[in-house]
Amino acid sequence: MTNWLEHSVQVEVDAPIDLVWSLWSDLEQMPRWMKWIDSVHILEDNPELSRWKLASSGFEFTWLSRILKIVPHQIIQWESVDGLPNRGAVRFYDRHGSSIVRLSFGYAIPGILGKIMDNLFLGRIVESTIAADLERFREYTNKIQQGKS
């Protein structure tokens, strides 16, 4: 039996949608602001697939992810096809000079792990980490705009 935990976090970024989109759509840049993401590699022979590695506190997970939908400046949707089961979407909202980034995702917790860990506790840790990641993205975007990348 597998439990799915779902989360949704958003941030407003004081940057135009073109810049916000260009940073997020380059998946290999994500480790710059996503604390737990150790690496992302787009597969050369199939650019719809990417290999992800999550590493934190001695834990390491990998998965192969497939892009399901891309609408420029609006949405990137994915699901894992191998490894750590996960799915989600990042949505972009143009606020004419600023942008809202909304990350919604879910991941499967194997039954045995769900019994060991309190899913609510795990969910709070993941959600607070992702909120901090989005805050790092806002700061990273500000540095890019100021020419300090």
Protein backbone atom coordinates (compact mmCIF):
# COMPACT_ATOMS: atom_id res chain seq x y z
CA MET A 1 0.00 0.00 0.00
CA THR A 2 1.34 3.41 -1.00
CA ASN A 3 0.27 6.80 0.35
CA TRP A 4 0.59 9.93 -1.78
CA LEU A 5 1.40 13.21 -0.07
CA GLU A 6 0.47 16.37 -1.98
CA HIS A 7 1.81 19.91 -1.48
CA SER A 8 1.41 23.30 -3.09
CA VAL A 9 3.62 26.32 -2.40
CA GLN A 10 3.88 29.65 -4.19
CA VAL A 11 6.03 32.75 -4.21
CA GLU A 12 5.79 36.13 -5.86
CA VAL A 13 9.01 37.14 -7.58
CA ASP A 14 9.83 40.72 -8.47
CA ALA A 15 10.92 39.77 -11.98
CA PRO A 16 9.30 39.62 -15.41
CA ILE A 17 7.76 36.35 -16.52
CA ASP A 18 10.37 35.93 -19.31
CA LEU A 19 13.22 35.72 -16.78
CA VAL A 20 11.31 33.52 -14.34
CA TRP A 21 10.33 31.14 -17.14
CA SER A 22 13.84 30.96 -18.58
CA LEU A 23 15.30 29.96 -15.20
CA TRP A 24 12.69 27.30 -14.37
CA SER A 25 12.52 25.83 -17.85
CA ASP A 26 16.27 25.10 -17.68
CA LEU A 27 15.81 22.14 -15.32
CA GLU A 28 19.54 21.61 -14.84
CA GLN A 29 19.73 24.96 -12.97
CA MET A 30 17.33 23.83 -10.22
CA PRO A 31 20.03 22.70 -7.75
CA ARG A 32 21.02 26.39 -7.52
CA TRP A 33 17.89 27.10 -5.47
CA MET A 34 16.39 23.70 -4.58
CA LYS A 35 18.21 22.63 -1.38
CA TRP A 36 17.54 18.89 -1.62
CA ILE A 37 18.07 18.54 -5.37
CA ASP A 38 21.66 17.46 -5.85
CA SER A 39 21.56 17.23 -9.65
CA VAL A 40 19.32 17.24 -12.72
CA HIS A 41 20.52 15.91 -16.07
CA ILE A 42 18.50 16.09 -19.27
CA LEU A 43 18.92 12.92 -21.34
CA GLU A 44 20.65 13.74 -24.61
CA ASP A 45 18.78 11.11 -26.60
CA ASN A 46 15.35 12.16 -25.22
CA PRO A 47 15.05 15.76 -23.93
CA GLU A 48 11.60 15.00 -22.45
CA LEU A 49 13.36 12.81 -19.87
CA SER A 50 15.61 13.94 -17.05
CA ARG A 51 17.50 12.11 -14.30
CA TRP A 52 17.09 13.65 -10.84
CA LYS A 53 19.07 13.07 -7.65
CA LEU A 54 17.80 14.18 -4.25
CA ALA A 55 20.28 14.08 -1.38
CA SER A 56 19.85 15.26 2.21
CA SER A 57 21.07 14.14 5.63
CA GLY A 58 22.42 10.83 4.40
CA PHE A 59 19.35 10.02 2.30
CA GLU A 60 19.68 9.73 -1.46
CA PHE A 61 16.93 9.13 -4.01
CA THR A 62 17.03 9.15 -7.78
CA TRP A 63 14.32 9.08 -10.39
CA LEU A 64 13.71 9.49 -14.07
CA SER A 65 11.14 12.15 -14.86
CA ARG A 66 9.11 12.77 -18.02
CA ILE A 67 7.77 16.17 -19.04
CA LEU A 68 4.06 15.72 -19.71
CA LYS A 69 3.14 19.26 -20.68
CA ILE A 70 4.91 22.52 -21.40
CA VAL A 71 3.10 25.76 -22.16
CA PRO A 72 5.72 28.54 -22.31
CA HIS A 73 5.33 31.15 -19.56
CA GLN A 74 2.46 29.11 -18.04
CA ILE A 75 3.18 25.52 -16.96
CA ILE A 76 5.69 22.69 -16.77
CA GLN A 77 4.08 19.40 -15.74
CA TRP A 78 5.93 16.14 -15.00
CA GLU A 79 5.73 12.66 -13.58
CA SER A 80 8.39 10.17 -12.61
CA VAL A 81 8.68 7.07 -14.78
CA ASP A 82 11.33 5.27 -12.72
CA GLY A 83 12.70 5.55 -9.20
CA LEU A 84 11.09 7.76 -6.54
CA PRO A 85 7.39 8.08 -7.47
CA ASN A 86 6.42 11.74 -7.87
CA ARG A 87 4.36 14.07 -10.05
CA GLY A 88 3.54 17.71 -10.22
CA ALA A 89 3.49 21.01 -12.02
CA VAL A 90 4.99 24.44 -11.71
CA ARG A 91 2.67 27.20 -12.88
CA PHE A 92 3.62 30.75 -13.76
CA TYR A 93 1.41 33.82 -13.50
CA ASP A 94 2.41 37.08 -15.16
CA ARG A 95 1.74 40.07 -12.92
CA HIS A 96 3.19 42.56 -15.44
CA GLY A 97 6.58 43.22 -13.91
CA SER A 98 6.41 40.54 -11.25
CA SER A 99 5.55 36.85 -11.47
CA ILE A 100 3.93 34.24 -9.29
CA VAL A 101 5.46 30.77 -9.25
CA ARG A 102 3.21 28.02 -7.88
CA LEU A 103 4.78 24.60 -7.35
CA SER A 104 2.33 21.72 -6.80
CA PHE A 105 3.67 18.21 -6.39
CA GLY A 106 3.01 14.85 -4.88
CA TYR A 107 5.16 11.89 -3.95
CA ALA A 108 4.49 8.34 -2.91
CA ILE A 109 5.41 7.11 0.52
CA PRO A 110 5.77 3.32 0.65
CA GLY A 111 3.46 1.77 3.24
CA ILE A 112 6.28 0.67 5.54
CA LEU A 113 7.83 4.15 5.60
CA GLY A 114 4.41 5.68 6.17
CA LYS A 115 4.00 3.48 9.24
CA ILE A 116 7.39 4.50 10.61
CA MET A 117 7.02 8.23 9.97
CA ASP A 118 4.13 10.52 10.78
CA ASN A 119 2.99 11.71 7.33
CA LEU A 120 1.87 15.05 8.78
CA PHE A 121 5.31 15.62 10.27
CA LEU A 122 7.02 14.62 7.01
CA GLY A 123 4.62 16.83 5.05
CA ARG A 124 5.43 19.88 7.20
CA ILE A 125 9.17 19.32 6.72
CA VAL A 126 8.81 18.97 2.95
CA GLU A 127 6.49 21.96 2.62
CA SER A 128 8.70 24.25 4.72
CA THR A 129 11.77 23.13 2.72
CA ILE A 130 10.03 23.85 -0.58
CA ALA A 131 8.86 27.24 0.69
CA ALA A 132 12.49 28.02 1.59
CA ASP A 133 13.57 26.80 -1.87
CA LEU A 134 11.12 29.19 -3.51
CA GLU A 135 12.44 32.00 -1.34
CA ARG A 136 15.97 31.08 -2.52
CA PHE A 137 14.63 31.21 -6.09
CA ARG A 138 13.33 34.75 -5.44
CA GLU A 139 16.77 35.77 -4.10
CA TYR A 140 18.56 34.04 -7.00
CA THR A 141 16.33 35.88 -9.49
CA ASN A 142 17.12 39.20 -7.79
CA LYS A 143 20.85 38.48 -8.09
CA ILE A 144 20.45 37.62 -11.79
CA GLN A 145 18.63 40.90 -12.39
CA GLN A 146 21.37 42.81 -10.57
CA GLY A 147 24.05 41.03 -12.60
CA LYS A 148 25.50 39.18 -9.58
CA SER A 149 24.93 35.56 -10.63
